[in-house]
Amino acid sequence: MYDGEWFENKIKGCGTYSWLDGRMYQGEWIDNNMDGMGVYTWADGRCYMGEYMDDKKHGYGIYKWADGRLYLGQWVRGKQNGLGIYKT
């Protein structure tokens, strides 16, 4: 389910998308893709807060695993890449 802004029949602007399996993304969208700042949460407790581009983590972000581990740093096309800190 999506609740938020639309432009020319596409998700664009700020909004929240919730999936049936418990995942949720709250943030910015462009042309139906997560793009800009946002928060993505999973039902098992994982969370990503940071930048997206074309539906992928891209830029600076913080990824927290359900067991408390953290990665704070750079992402490129969905992968940890560049400067970052990993905490166990």
C-alpha atoms as a PDB file:
ATOM      1  CA  MET A   1       0.000   0.000   0.000  1.00  0.00           C
ATOM      2  CA  TYR A   2       1.268   3.474  -0.853  1.00  0.00           C
ATOM      3  CA  ASP A   3       0.280   6.697   0.873  1.00  0.00           C
ATOM      4  CA  GLY A   4       1.824   9.857  -0.495  1.00  0.00           C
ATOM      5  CA  GLU A   5       2.410  12.140  -3.433  1.00  0.00           C
ATOM      6  CA  TRP A   6       1.898  11.333  -7.118  1.00  0.00           C
ATOM      7  CA  PHE A   7       2.800  13.115 -10.354  1.00  0.00           C
ATOM      8  CA  GLU A   8       1.505  12.058 -13.781  1.00  0.00           C
ATOM      9  CA  ASN A   9       0.385   8.651 -12.500  1.00  0.00           C
ATOM     10  CA  LYS A  10       3.761   7.862 -10.870  1.00  0.00           C
ATOM     11  CA  ILE A  11       4.928   7.901  -7.261  1.00  0.00           C
ATOM     12  CA  LYS A  12       6.905  11.133  -6.863  1.00  0.00           C
ATOM     13  CA  GLY A  13       7.648  13.274  -3.820  1.00  0.00           C
ATOM     14  CA  CYS A  14       7.307  12.071  -0.242  1.00  0.00           C
ATOM     15  CA  GLY A  15       5.389   8.994   0.773  1.00  0.00           C
ATOM     16  CA  THR A  16       5.210   5.684   2.582  1.00  0.00           C
ATOM     17  CA  TYR A  17       5.045   2.280   0.927  1.00  0.00           C
ATOM     18  CA  SER A  18       4.157  -0.778   3.024  1.00  0.00           C
ATOM     19  CA  TRP A  19       4.517  -4.376   1.825  1.00  0.00           C
ATOM     20  CA  LEU A  20       2.418  -7.296   3.080  1.00  0.00           C
ATOM     21  CA  ASP A  21       5.493  -9.027   4.543  1.00  0.00           C
ATOM     22  CA  GLY A  22       6.071  -6.147   6.999  1.00  0.00           C
ATOM     23  CA  ARG A  23       8.651  -4.104   5.100  1.00  0.00           C
ATOM     24  CA  MET A  24       8.143  -0.346   4.918  1.00  0.00           C
ATOM     25  CA  TYR A  25       9.852   2.584   3.203  1.00  0.00           C
ATOM     26  CA  GLN A  26       9.202   6.176   4.245  1.00  0.00           C
ATOM     27  CA  GLY A  27      10.887   8.848   2.196  1.00  0.00           C
ATOM     28  CA  GLU A  28      11.419  10.440  -1.163  1.00  0.00           C
ATOM     29  CA  TRP A  29      10.421   8.971  -4.530  1.00  0.00           C
ATOM     30  CA  ILE A  30      11.029   9.739  -8.199  1.00  0.00           C
ATOM     31  CA  ASP A  31       9.232   7.833 -11.006  1.00  0.00           C
ATOM     32  CA  ASN A  32       8.108   4.966  -8.710  1.00  0.00           C
ATOM     33  CA  ASN A  33      11.667   4.492  -7.349  1.00  0.00           C
ATOM     34  CA  MET A  34      13.071   5.226  -3.913  1.00  0.00           C
ATOM     35  CA  ASP A  35      15.246   8.267  -4.631  1.00  0.00           C
ATOM     36  CA  GLY A  36      16.532  10.764  -2.070  1.00  0.00           C
ATOM     37  CA  MET A  37      16.443  10.455   1.713  1.00  0.00           C
ATOM     38  CA  GLY A  38      14.475   7.652   3.307  1.00  0.00           C
ATOM     39  CA  VAL A  39      14.067   5.029   6.008  1.00  0.00           C
ATOM     40  CA  TYR A  40      13.545   1.374   5.079  1.00  0.00           C
ATOM     41  CA  THR A  41      12.562  -1.096   7.792  1.00  0.00           C
ATOM     42  CA  TRP A  42      12.143  -4.878   7.710  1.00  0.00           C
ATOM     43  CA  ALA A  43       9.794  -6.946   9.887  1.00  0.00           C
ATOM     44  CA  ASP A  44      12.774  -8.714  11.514  1.00  0.00           C
ATOM     45  CA  GLY A  45      14.125  -5.434  12.961  1.00  0.00           C
ATOM     46  CA  ARG A  46      16.687  -4.418  10.336  1.00  0.00           C
ATOM     47  CA  CYS A  47      16.695  -0.763   9.315  1.00  0.00           C
ATOM     48  CA  TYR A  48      18.428   1.481   6.778  1.00  0.00           C
ATOM     49  CA  MET A  49      18.397   5.269   7.112  1.00  0.00           C
ATOM     50  CA  GLY A  50      20.013   7.244   4.351  1.00  0.00           C
ATOM     51  CA  GLU A  51      20.220   8.118   0.706  1.00  0.00           C
ATOM     52  CA  TYR A  52      18.746   6.235  -2.256  1.00  0.00           C
ATOM     53  CA  MET A  53      19.122   6.553  -5.995  1.00  0.00           C
ATOM     54  CA  ASP A  54      17.129   4.499  -8.533  1.00  0.00           C
ATOM     55  CA  ASP A  55      15.735   2.170  -5.832  1.00  0.00           C
ATOM     56  CA  LYS A  56      19.200   1.362  -4.396  1.00  0.00           C
ATOM     57  CA  LYS A  57      21.135   2.547  -1.361  1.00  0.00           C
ATOM     58  CA  HIS A  58      23.461   5.197  -2.773  1.00  0.00           C
ATOM     59  CA  GLY A  59      25.343   7.891  -0.868  1.00  0.00           C
ATOM     60  CA  TYR A  60      25.622   8.021   2.914  1.00  0.00           C
ATOM     61  CA  GLY A  61      23.561   5.696   5.048  1.00  0.00           C
ATOM     62  CA  ILE A  62      23.290   3.772   8.289  1.00  0.00           C
ATOM     63  CA  TYR A  63      22.334   0.094   8.186  1.00  0.00           C
ATOM     64  CA  LYS A  64      21.375  -1.578  11.463  1.00  0.00           C
ATOM     65  CA  TRP A  65      20.992  -5.346  11.745  1.00  0.00           C
ATOM     66  CA  ALA A  66      18.423  -6.853  14.119  1.00  0.00           C
ATOM     67  CA  ASP A  67      21.235  -8.058  16.436  1.00  0.00           C
ATOM     68  CA  GLY A  68      22.556  -4.495  16.883  1.00  0.00           C
ATOM     69  CA  ARG A  69      25.476  -4.487  14.431  1.00  0.00           C
ATOM     70  CA  LEU A  70      25.865  -1.223  12.495  1.00  0.00           C
ATOM     71  CA  TYR A  71      27.410   0.011   9.284  1.00  0.00           C
ATOM     72  CA  LEU A  72      27.753   3.785   8.949  1.00  0.00           C
ATOM     73  CA  GLY A  73      29.164   4.946   5.666  1.00  0.00           C
ATOM     74  CA  GLN A  74      29.058   5.162   1.922  1.00  0.00           C
ATOM     75  CA  TRP A  75      26.996   3.057  -0.489  1.00  0.00           C
ATOM     76  CA  VAL A  76      27.202   2.729  -4.259  1.00  0.00           C
ATOM     77  CA  ARG A  77      24.377   1.072  -6.218  1.00  0.00           C
ATOM     78  CA  GLY A  78      23.169  -0.918  -3.203  1.00  0.00           C
ATOM     79  CA  LYS A  79      26.544  -2.082  -1.894  1.00  0.00           C
ATOM     80  CA  GLN A  80      28.781  -0.863   0.920  1.00  0.00           C
ATOM     81  CA  ASN A  81      31.533   0.981  -0.908  1.00  0.00           C
ATOM     82  CA  GLY A  82      33.949   3.709   0.156  1.00  0.00           C
ATOM     83  CA  LEU A  83      34.529   5.049   3.645  1.00  0.00           C
ATOM     84  CA  GLY A  84      32.578   3.378   6.400  1.00  0.00           C
ATOM     85  CA  ILE A  85      32.553   2.129   9.961  1.00  0.00           C
ATOM     86  CA  TYR A  86      31.349  -1.338  10.976  1.00  0.00           C
ATOM     87  CA  LYS A  87      30.407  -1.845  14.623  1.00  0.00           C
ATOM     88  CA  THR A  88      29.660  -5.213  16.205  1.00  0.00           C
END
